[in-house]
N, C-alpha and C. Protein backbone atom coordinates (compact mmCIF):
# COMPACT_ATOMS: atom_id res chain seq x y z
N MET A 1 19.22 -15.25 -10.45
CA MET A 1 19.21 -13.85 -10.02
C MET A 1 19.46 -13.64 -8.57
N ALA A 2 20.17 -12.75 -8.27
CA ALA A 2 20.62 -12.54 -6.89
C ALA A 2 19.71 -11.61 -6.27
N LEU A 3 19.59 -11.63 -4.74
CA LEU A 3 18.92 -10.63 -4.10
C LEU A 3 19.64 -9.41 -3.94
N THR A 4 19.27 -8.20 -4.19
CA THR A 4 19.97 -6.99 -4.26
C THR A 4 20.29 -6.40 -2.85
N HIS A 5 19.48 -6.86 -1.81
CA HIS A 5 19.66 -6.24 -0.62
C HIS A 5 20.58 -6.86 0.26
N PHE A 6 21.45 -7.66 -0.34
CA PHE A 6 22.62 -8.43 0.39
C PHE A 6 23.79 -8.21 -0.46
N ASP A 7 24.94 -7.97 0.39
CA ASP A 7 26.30 -7.69 -0.27
C ASP A 7 26.89 -9.17 -0.57
N ALA A 8 28.09 -9.18 -1.12
CA ALA A 8 28.82 -10.42 -1.40
C ALA A 8 28.99 -11.49 -0.21
N SER A 9 29.12 -10.81 0.97
CA SER A 9 29.34 -11.72 2.04
C SER A 9 27.97 -12.01 2.74
N GLY A 10 26.90 -11.56 2.26
CA GLY A 10 25.49 -11.96 2.77
C GLY A 10 25.06 -11.03 3.74
N ALA A 11 25.66 -9.92 3.94
CA ALA A 11 25.06 -8.93 4.95
C ALA A 11 24.04 -8.07 4.24
N ALA A 12 23.06 -7.75 5.07
CA ALA A 12 22.07 -6.73 4.44
C ALA A 12 22.60 -5.45 4.32
N HIS A 13 22.19 -4.75 3.11
CA HIS A 13 22.65 -3.43 2.87
C HIS A 13 21.62 -2.59 2.11
N MET A 14 21.70 -1.39 2.19
CA MET A 14 20.87 -0.62 1.27
C MET A 14 21.53 -0.52 -0.15
N VAL A 15 20.66 -0.71 -1.19
CA VAL A 15 21.25 -0.83 -2.58
C VAL A 15 21.64 0.66 -2.86
N ASP A 16 22.78 0.71 -3.58
CA ASP A 16 23.34 1.94 -4.00
C ASP A 16 22.62 2.33 -5.35
N VAL A 17 21.75 3.31 -5.41
CA VAL A 17 21.14 3.67 -6.59
C VAL A 17 21.65 4.95 -7.35
N SER A 18 22.88 5.32 -6.87
CA SER A 18 23.38 6.63 -7.42
C SER A 18 23.68 6.71 -8.91
N ASP A 19 23.93 5.46 -9.37
CA ASP A 19 24.31 5.42 -10.77
C ASP A 19 23.03 5.15 -11.69
N LYS A 20 21.90 4.97 -11.08
CA LYS A 20 20.65 4.64 -11.86
C LYS A 20 20.17 5.99 -12.53
N ASP A 21 19.42 5.74 -13.63
CA ASP A 21 18.87 6.91 -14.35
C ASP A 21 17.65 7.44 -13.37
N VAL A 22 17.37 8.75 -13.47
CA VAL A 22 16.23 9.22 -12.84
C VAL A 22 15.19 9.12 -13.96
N THR A 23 14.12 8.42 -13.61
CA THR A 23 13.00 8.24 -14.56
C THR A 23 11.58 8.32 -13.74
N HIS A 24 10.56 8.55 -14.50
CA HIS A 24 9.26 8.67 -13.84
C HIS A 24 8.90 7.18 -13.56
N ARG A 25 8.40 6.89 -12.37
CA ARG A 25 7.99 5.68 -11.84
C ARG A 25 6.56 5.69 -11.19
N ILE A 26 5.97 4.45 -11.34
CA ILE A 26 4.63 4.32 -10.89
C ILE A 26 4.54 3.00 -10.30
N ALA A 27 3.74 2.86 -9.22
CA ALA A 27 3.37 1.48 -8.73
C ALA A 27 1.94 1.45 -8.28
N VAL A 28 1.08 0.50 -8.45
CA VAL A 28 -0.14 0.34 -7.94
C VAL A 28 -0.23 -0.99 -7.19
N ALA A 29 -0.64 -0.84 -6.02
CA ALA A 29 -0.90 -2.00 -5.17
C ALA A 29 -2.26 -2.08 -4.71
N GLU A 30 -2.66 -3.41 -4.49
CA GLU A 30 -4.02 -3.61 -3.92
C GLU A 30 -4.15 -4.47 -2.84
N ALA A 31 -5.27 -4.44 -2.19
CA ALA A 31 -5.58 -5.27 -0.91
C ALA A 31 -7.11 -5.33 -0.68
N TRP A 32 -7.55 -6.17 0.11
CA TRP A 32 -8.93 -6.15 0.49
C TRP A 32 -9.11 -6.55 1.97
N ILE A 33 -10.16 -6.08 2.51
CA ILE A 33 -10.54 -6.47 3.89
C ILE A 33 -12.06 -6.93 3.88
N LYS A 34 -12.15 -8.16 4.26
CA LYS A 34 -13.48 -8.75 4.37
C LYS A 34 -13.94 -8.53 5.71
N MET A 35 -15.27 -8.44 5.95
CA MET A 35 -15.99 -8.18 7.25
C MET A 35 -17.39 -8.91 7.06
N ARG A 36 -18.04 -8.89 8.22
CA ARG A 36 -19.34 -9.40 8.38
C ARG A 36 -20.32 -8.35 7.66
N PRO A 37 -21.39 -8.97 7.06
CA PRO A 37 -22.31 -7.99 6.42
C PRO A 37 -22.82 -6.93 7.29
N GLU A 38 -23.02 -7.19 8.55
CA GLU A 38 -23.47 -5.96 9.41
C GLU A 38 -22.42 -4.94 9.57
N THR A 39 -21.16 -5.40 9.53
CA THR A 39 -19.98 -4.47 9.68
C THR A 39 -19.81 -3.69 8.38
N PHE A 40 -20.03 -4.33 7.22
CA PHE A 40 -20.05 -3.62 5.97
C PHE A 40 -21.01 -2.64 5.89
N ASP A 41 -22.30 -2.84 6.43
CA ASP A 41 -23.41 -1.89 6.37
C ASP A 41 -22.93 -0.62 7.38
N ILE A 42 -22.42 -0.83 8.46
CA ILE A 42 -22.04 0.16 9.39
C ILE A 42 -20.92 1.00 8.75
N VAL A 43 -19.89 0.39 8.09
CA VAL A 43 -18.83 1.11 7.44
C VAL A 43 -19.38 2.02 6.28
N THR A 44 -20.16 1.31 5.46
CA THR A 44 -20.55 1.98 4.19
C THR A 44 -21.64 2.94 4.34
N GLU A 45 -22.31 2.96 5.54
CA GLU A 45 -23.37 3.80 5.83
C GLU A 45 -22.85 5.02 6.58
N GLY A 46 -21.58 4.84 7.05
CA GLY A 46 -21.06 5.97 7.92
C GLY A 46 -21.50 5.99 9.41
N ARG A 47 -21.80 4.73 9.80
CA ARG A 47 -22.36 4.63 11.23
C ARG A 47 -21.31 4.15 12.28
N ALA A 48 -20.03 4.13 11.86
CA ALA A 48 -19.11 3.69 12.97
C ALA A 48 -18.84 4.64 13.95
N LYS A 49 -18.61 4.21 15.12
CA LYS A 49 -18.49 5.16 16.34
C LYS A 49 -17.29 6.06 16.16
N LYS A 50 -16.15 5.52 15.49
CA LYS A 50 -14.95 6.27 15.47
C LYS A 50 -15.00 7.30 14.30
N GLY A 51 -16.05 7.34 13.42
CA GLY A 51 -16.08 8.30 12.40
C GLY A 51 -16.12 7.67 10.95
N ASP A 52 -15.71 8.39 10.01
CA ASP A 52 -15.71 8.17 8.58
C ASP A 52 -14.62 7.08 8.30
N VAL A 53 -14.85 5.82 8.37
CA VAL A 53 -13.91 4.69 8.29
C VAL A 53 -13.24 4.85 6.87
N ILE A 54 -13.82 4.96 5.84
CA ILE A 54 -13.22 4.99 4.49
C ILE A 54 -12.35 6.24 4.42
N GLY A 55 -12.84 7.46 4.75
CA GLY A 55 -12.13 8.62 4.68
C GLY A 55 -10.85 8.60 5.42
N VAL A 56 -10.88 8.14 6.76
CA VAL A 56 -9.77 8.07 7.50
C VAL A 56 -8.77 7.17 7.03
N ALA A 57 -9.28 5.93 6.50
CA ALA A 57 -8.34 4.83 5.97
C ALA A 57 -7.67 5.44 4.65
N ARG A 58 -8.33 6.24 3.92
CA ARG A 58 -7.59 6.82 2.73
C ARG A 58 -6.41 7.74 3.16
N LEU A 59 -6.86 8.66 4.14
CA LEU A 59 -5.66 9.46 4.69
C LEU A 59 -4.59 8.60 5.20
N ALA A 60 -4.91 7.58 5.94
CA ALA A 60 -3.86 6.67 6.60
C ALA A 60 -2.98 6.14 5.63
N GLY A 61 -3.58 5.68 4.52
CA GLY A 61 -2.76 5.12 3.34
C GLY A 61 -1.83 6.05 2.71
N ILE A 62 -2.29 7.27 2.53
CA ILE A 62 -1.41 8.25 2.01
C ILE A 62 -0.33 8.50 3.05
N MET A 63 -0.56 8.67 4.33
CA MET A 63 0.47 8.83 5.38
C MET A 63 1.51 7.67 5.32
N GLY A 64 0.96 6.50 5.21
CA GLY A 64 1.68 5.29 5.24
C GLY A 64 2.74 5.28 4.14
N ALA A 65 2.21 5.63 2.92
CA ALA A 65 3.28 5.64 1.78
C ALA A 65 4.43 6.66 2.07
N LYS A 66 4.10 7.72 2.73
CA LYS A 66 5.17 8.71 3.01
C LYS A 66 6.01 8.16 4.08
N GLN A 67 5.67 7.25 4.95
CA GLN A 67 6.52 6.79 6.07
C GLN A 67 7.22 5.45 5.61
N THR A 68 7.12 5.10 4.47
CA THR A 68 7.70 3.71 4.13
C THR A 68 9.16 3.50 4.58
N SER A 69 9.97 4.48 4.31
CA SER A 69 11.34 4.30 4.52
C SER A 69 11.62 4.26 6.12
N THR A 70 10.72 4.77 6.82
CA THR A 70 11.00 4.59 8.27
C THR A 70 10.39 3.20 8.80
N LEU A 71 9.74 2.67 7.95
CA LEU A 71 9.06 1.28 8.58
C LEU A 71 9.84 0.14 7.98
N ILE A 72 10.32 0.23 6.75
CA ILE A 72 11.06 -0.77 5.97
C ILE A 72 12.47 -0.53 6.01
N PRO A 73 13.34 -1.28 6.71
CA PRO A 73 14.73 -0.85 6.93
C PRO A 73 15.64 -0.45 5.76
N LEU A 74 15.43 -1.17 4.57
CA LEU A 74 16.32 -0.88 3.53
C LEU A 74 15.69 -0.07 2.33
N CYS A 75 14.63 0.43 2.71
CA CYS A 75 13.89 1.35 1.67
C CYS A 75 14.61 2.61 1.70
N HIS A 76 14.69 3.43 0.41
CA HIS A 76 15.25 4.63 0.37
C HIS A 76 14.08 5.63 0.64
N PRO A 77 14.45 6.71 1.28
CA PRO A 77 13.49 7.85 1.41
C PRO A 77 13.31 8.47 -0.06
N LEU A 78 12.07 8.58 -0.46
CA LEU A 78 11.79 9.06 -1.87
C LEU A 78 11.03 10.31 -1.86
N PRO A 79 11.27 11.07 -2.94
CA PRO A 79 10.46 12.37 -3.20
C PRO A 79 9.29 11.86 -3.82
N ILE A 80 8.12 11.47 -3.19
CA ILE A 80 6.90 10.98 -3.73
C ILE A 80 6.18 12.24 -4.24
N THR A 81 5.70 12.01 -5.58
CA THR A 81 5.02 13.19 -6.28
C THR A 81 3.57 13.05 -6.34
N LYS A 82 3.07 11.77 -5.95
CA LYS A 82 1.61 11.52 -5.92
C LYS A 82 1.32 10.12 -5.18
N VAL A 83 0.39 10.29 -4.28
CA VAL A 83 -0.21 9.16 -3.71
C VAL A 83 -1.71 9.22 -3.79
N ALA A 84 -2.41 8.28 -4.34
CA ALA A 84 -3.84 8.17 -4.41
C ALA A 84 -4.24 6.89 -3.77
N VAL A 85 -5.21 6.93 -2.91
CA VAL A 85 -5.72 5.68 -2.19
C VAL A 85 -7.15 5.58 -2.57
N ASP A 86 -7.69 4.52 -3.42
CA ASP A 86 -9.03 4.35 -3.62
C ASP A 86 -9.62 3.19 -2.91
N ILE A 87 -10.69 3.46 -2.19
CA ILE A 87 -11.29 2.39 -1.32
C ILE A 87 -12.74 2.27 -1.92
N LYS A 88 -13.02 0.95 -2.30
CA LYS A 88 -14.45 0.83 -2.96
C LYS A 88 -15.03 -0.32 -2.08
N PRO A 89 -16.38 0.04 -1.78
CA PRO A 89 -17.03 -1.06 -1.11
C PRO A 89 -17.41 -2.15 -2.14
N ASP A 90 -17.34 -3.39 -1.54
CA ASP A 90 -17.68 -4.59 -2.46
C ASP A 90 -18.61 -5.50 -1.55
N ALA A 91 -19.85 -5.39 -1.98
CA ALA A 91 -20.90 -6.24 -1.20
C ALA A 91 -20.68 -7.70 -1.28
N ASP A 92 -19.91 -8.10 -2.42
CA ASP A 92 -19.83 -9.61 -2.70
C ASP A 92 -18.80 -10.09 -1.60
N LEU A 93 -17.87 -9.34 -1.20
CA LEU A 93 -16.82 -9.88 -0.24
C LEU A 93 -17.45 -10.34 0.97
N PRO A 94 -18.25 -9.79 1.82
CA PRO A 94 -18.45 -8.31 1.91
C PRO A 94 -17.23 -7.56 2.39
N GLY A 95 -16.99 -6.35 1.95
CA GLY A 95 -15.82 -5.69 2.52
C GLY A 95 -15.40 -4.55 1.65
N LEU A 96 -14.16 -4.14 1.77
CA LEU A 96 -13.67 -3.02 0.91
C LEU A 96 -12.47 -3.49 0.06
N ARG A 97 -12.43 -2.95 -1.15
CA ARG A 97 -11.18 -3.15 -1.92
C ARG A 97 -10.34 -1.88 -2.05
N ILE A 98 -9.11 -2.01 -1.74
CA ILE A 98 -8.17 -0.96 -1.68
C ILE A 98 -7.29 -0.91 -2.75
N THR A 99 -7.07 0.20 -3.51
CA THR A 99 -6.11 0.31 -4.56
C THR A 99 -5.27 1.61 -4.18
N ALA A 100 -3.87 1.45 -4.14
CA ALA A 100 -3.02 2.61 -3.91
C ALA A 100 -2.11 2.74 -5.09
N THR A 101 -1.99 3.99 -5.48
CA THR A 101 -1.17 4.32 -6.53
C THR A 101 -0.16 5.54 -6.13
N VAL A 102 1.21 5.12 -6.38
CA VAL A 102 2.27 6.07 -6.02
C VAL A 102 3.07 6.35 -7.15
N LYS A 103 3.53 7.59 -7.28
CA LYS A 103 4.37 8.10 -8.32
C LYS A 103 5.51 8.85 -7.87
N THR A 104 6.64 8.75 -8.56
CA THR A 104 7.91 9.55 -8.14
C THR A 104 8.65 9.85 -9.56
N THR A 105 9.56 10.62 -9.51
CA THR A 105 10.61 10.81 -10.48
C THR A 105 11.89 10.67 -9.79
N GLY A 106 12.57 9.48 -10.01
CA GLY A 106 13.74 9.19 -9.05
C GLY A 106 14.42 8.02 -9.60
N GLN A 107 15.37 7.54 -8.74
CA GLN A 107 16.22 6.47 -9.09
C GLN A 107 15.79 5.08 -8.50
N THR A 108 14.72 4.95 -7.99
CA THR A 108 14.28 3.69 -7.46
C THR A 108 12.77 3.78 -7.59
N GLY A 109 12.19 2.49 -7.62
CA GLY A 109 10.59 2.47 -7.65
C GLY A 109 9.94 2.66 -6.42
N VAL A 110 8.76 2.70 -6.49
CA VAL A 110 7.73 3.01 -5.43
C VAL A 110 6.86 1.80 -5.12
N GLU A 111 7.18 0.64 -5.44
CA GLU A 111 6.46 -0.49 -5.10
C GLU A 111 6.23 -0.72 -3.62
N MET A 112 7.21 -0.50 -2.82
CA MET A 112 7.08 -0.66 -1.40
C MET A 112 6.14 0.48 -0.81
N GLU A 113 6.28 1.65 -1.37
CA GLU A 113 5.33 2.79 -0.91
C GLU A 113 3.84 2.42 -1.25
N ALA A 114 3.62 1.78 -2.42
CA ALA A 114 2.22 1.47 -2.79
C ALA A 114 1.73 0.32 -1.90
N LEU A 115 2.52 -0.65 -1.63
CA LEU A 115 2.17 -1.67 -0.81
C LEU A 115 2.01 -1.30 0.57
N THR A 116 2.77 -0.38 1.14
CA THR A 116 2.52 0.18 2.47
C THR A 116 1.26 1.03 2.62
N ALA A 117 0.98 1.77 1.51
CA ALA A 117 -0.32 2.51 1.58
C ALA A 117 -1.47 1.63 1.64
N ALA A 118 -1.52 0.59 0.71
CA ALA A 118 -2.65 -0.38 0.70
C ALA A 118 -2.80 -0.97 2.08
N SER A 119 -1.76 -1.55 2.57
CA SER A 119 -1.84 -2.29 3.86
C SER A 119 -2.14 -1.33 5.00
N THR A 120 -1.66 -0.19 5.08
CA THR A 120 -2.00 0.80 6.13
C THR A 120 -3.49 1.22 6.11
N ALA A 121 -4.00 1.38 4.82
CA ALA A 121 -5.51 1.65 4.85
C ALA A 121 -6.27 0.44 5.27
N ALA A 122 -5.91 -0.71 4.86
CA ALA A 122 -6.72 -1.94 5.37
C ALA A 122 -6.56 -1.99 6.94
N LEU A 123 -5.39 -1.90 7.49
CA LEU A 123 -5.15 -1.87 8.92
C LEU A 123 -6.11 -0.75 9.67
N THR A 124 -6.12 0.38 9.04
CA THR A 124 -6.90 1.45 9.65
C THR A 124 -8.49 1.04 9.55
N VAL A 125 -8.92 0.39 8.68
CA VAL A 125 -10.20 -0.09 8.53
C VAL A 125 -10.43 -1.01 9.70
N TYR A 126 -9.48 -1.93 9.96
CA TYR A 126 -9.54 -2.90 10.93
C TYR A 126 -9.65 -2.17 12.36
N ASP A 127 -8.79 -1.24 12.48
CA ASP A 127 -8.63 -0.59 13.78
C ASP A 127 -9.99 0.11 14.14
N MET A 128 -10.64 0.79 13.05
CA MET A 128 -11.79 1.60 13.29
C MET A 128 -13.02 0.77 13.42
N ALA A 129 -13.01 -0.40 13.00
CA ALA A 129 -14.35 -1.28 13.02
C ALA A 129 -14.17 -2.59 14.04
N LYS A 130 -12.93 -2.73 14.51
CA LYS A 130 -12.76 -3.93 15.37
C LYS A 130 -13.74 -4.00 16.56
N ALA A 131 -14.30 -2.96 17.06
CA ALA A 131 -15.17 -3.03 18.13
C ALA A 131 -16.43 -3.85 17.88
N VAL A 132 -16.83 -3.77 16.57
CA VAL A 132 -17.96 -4.58 16.07
C VAL A 132 -17.69 -5.97 15.40
N ASP A 133 -16.36 -6.05 15.06
CA ASP A 133 -15.99 -7.24 14.15
C ASP A 133 -14.53 -7.56 14.27
N LYS A 134 -14.18 -8.36 15.27
CA LYS A 134 -12.79 -8.66 15.43
C LYS A 134 -12.24 -9.60 14.47
N GLY A 135 -13.25 -10.39 13.63
CA GLY A 135 -12.90 -11.33 12.76
C GLY A 135 -12.71 -10.93 11.43
N MET A 136 -12.52 -9.69 11.08
CA MET A 136 -12.28 -9.16 9.90
C MET A 136 -10.92 -9.82 9.37
N GLU A 137 -10.80 -10.00 7.93
CA GLU A 137 -9.77 -10.62 7.34
C GLU A 137 -9.14 -9.63 6.25
N ILE A 138 -7.69 -9.44 6.31
CA ILE A 138 -7.10 -8.50 5.36
C ILE A 138 -6.32 -9.67 4.36
N GLY A 139 -6.36 -9.30 3.18
CA GLY A 139 -5.77 -10.26 2.08
C GLY A 139 -5.52 -9.57 0.84
N GLY A 140 -4.95 -10.35 -0.04
CA GLY A 140 -4.70 -10.02 -1.45
C GLY A 140 -3.79 -8.88 -1.62
N LEU A 141 -2.87 -8.53 -0.70
CA LEU A 141 -1.95 -7.63 -0.81
C LEU A 141 -0.81 -7.89 -1.92
N ARG A 142 -0.82 -7.05 -2.95
CA ARG A 142 0.13 -7.40 -4.03
C ARG A 142 0.37 -6.11 -4.90
N VAL A 143 1.53 -6.17 -5.58
CA VAL A 143 1.79 -5.16 -6.60
C VAL A 143 0.90 -5.56 -7.88
N ARG A 144 -0.01 -4.73 -8.40
CA ARG A 144 -0.71 -4.97 -9.62
C ARG A 144 0.00 -4.41 -10.78
N LEU A 145 0.75 -3.27 -10.64
CA LEU A 145 1.45 -2.59 -11.63
C LEU A 145 2.79 -1.90 -11.15
N LYS A 146 3.74 -2.04 -11.88
CA LYS A 146 4.96 -1.26 -11.75
C LYS A 146 5.44 -0.88 -13.00
N ASP A 147 5.98 0.52 -13.15
CA ASP A 147 6.56 0.93 -14.36
C ASP A 147 7.58 1.99 -14.23
N GLY A 148 8.62 1.98 -15.06
CA GLY A 148 9.69 2.83 -14.95
C GLY A 148 10.96 2.16 -14.56
N GLY A 149 12.00 2.80 -14.77
CA GLY A 149 13.33 2.28 -14.38
C GLY A 149 13.88 1.23 -15.34
N LYS A 150 14.98 0.64 -14.92
CA LYS A 150 15.70 -0.28 -15.89
C LYS A 150 14.91 -1.65 -16.17
N SER A 151 14.09 -2.05 -15.20
CA SER A 151 13.38 -3.36 -15.30
C SER A 151 12.09 -3.10 -15.96
N GLY A 152 11.78 -1.93 -16.23
CA GLY A 152 10.55 -1.71 -17.18
C GLY A 152 9.28 -1.87 -16.44
N ARG A 153 8.20 -2.45 -17.36
CA ARG A 153 6.82 -2.60 -16.79
C ARG A 153 6.56 -3.98 -16.37
N TYR A 154 5.84 -3.99 -15.26
CA TYR A 154 5.46 -5.38 -14.67
C TYR A 154 3.77 -5.09 -14.41
N GLU A 155 3.03 -6.03 -15.01
CA GLU A 155 1.61 -5.92 -14.61
C GLU A 155 1.37 -7.42 -14.06
N ALA A 156 0.57 -7.47 -13.02
CA ALA A 156 0.16 -8.79 -12.50
C ALA A 156 -0.69 -9.35 -13.31
N PRO A 157 -0.77 -10.77 -13.49
CA PRO A 157 -1.64 -11.39 -14.39
C PRO A 157 -3.09 -11.38 -13.87
């Protein structure tokens, strides 16, 4: 299988999607951010000096999805119809589990938008809590679900 973002001579290019069918598309991406138990308590109890960490991270994730084509050079600007960012505290990490869902009706998928939303939300948590915990760790970034288009459905194992 060939990489689609390179032409026959090996030069990077934006994929031409003009002949693809317009279909309903969805992607779900996830990530996590681990932190010290003390940081977890500060974030989940709303005691961070910069404010509501989870609420701001949710908004940042939504904004990140909408900016994907300006951040990732070969992504198409898309008419996103829905972005939802769910952030759940997980005391076992300890930290936050982030799930981003993005939908569109168009000619290309929204996997990159979902990944950008999840990672932007995690980075925002780091930014807002780094004053008390510079050792936070972000990981687990992946596409959990993608559906629509010619390639059909993908679900992570």
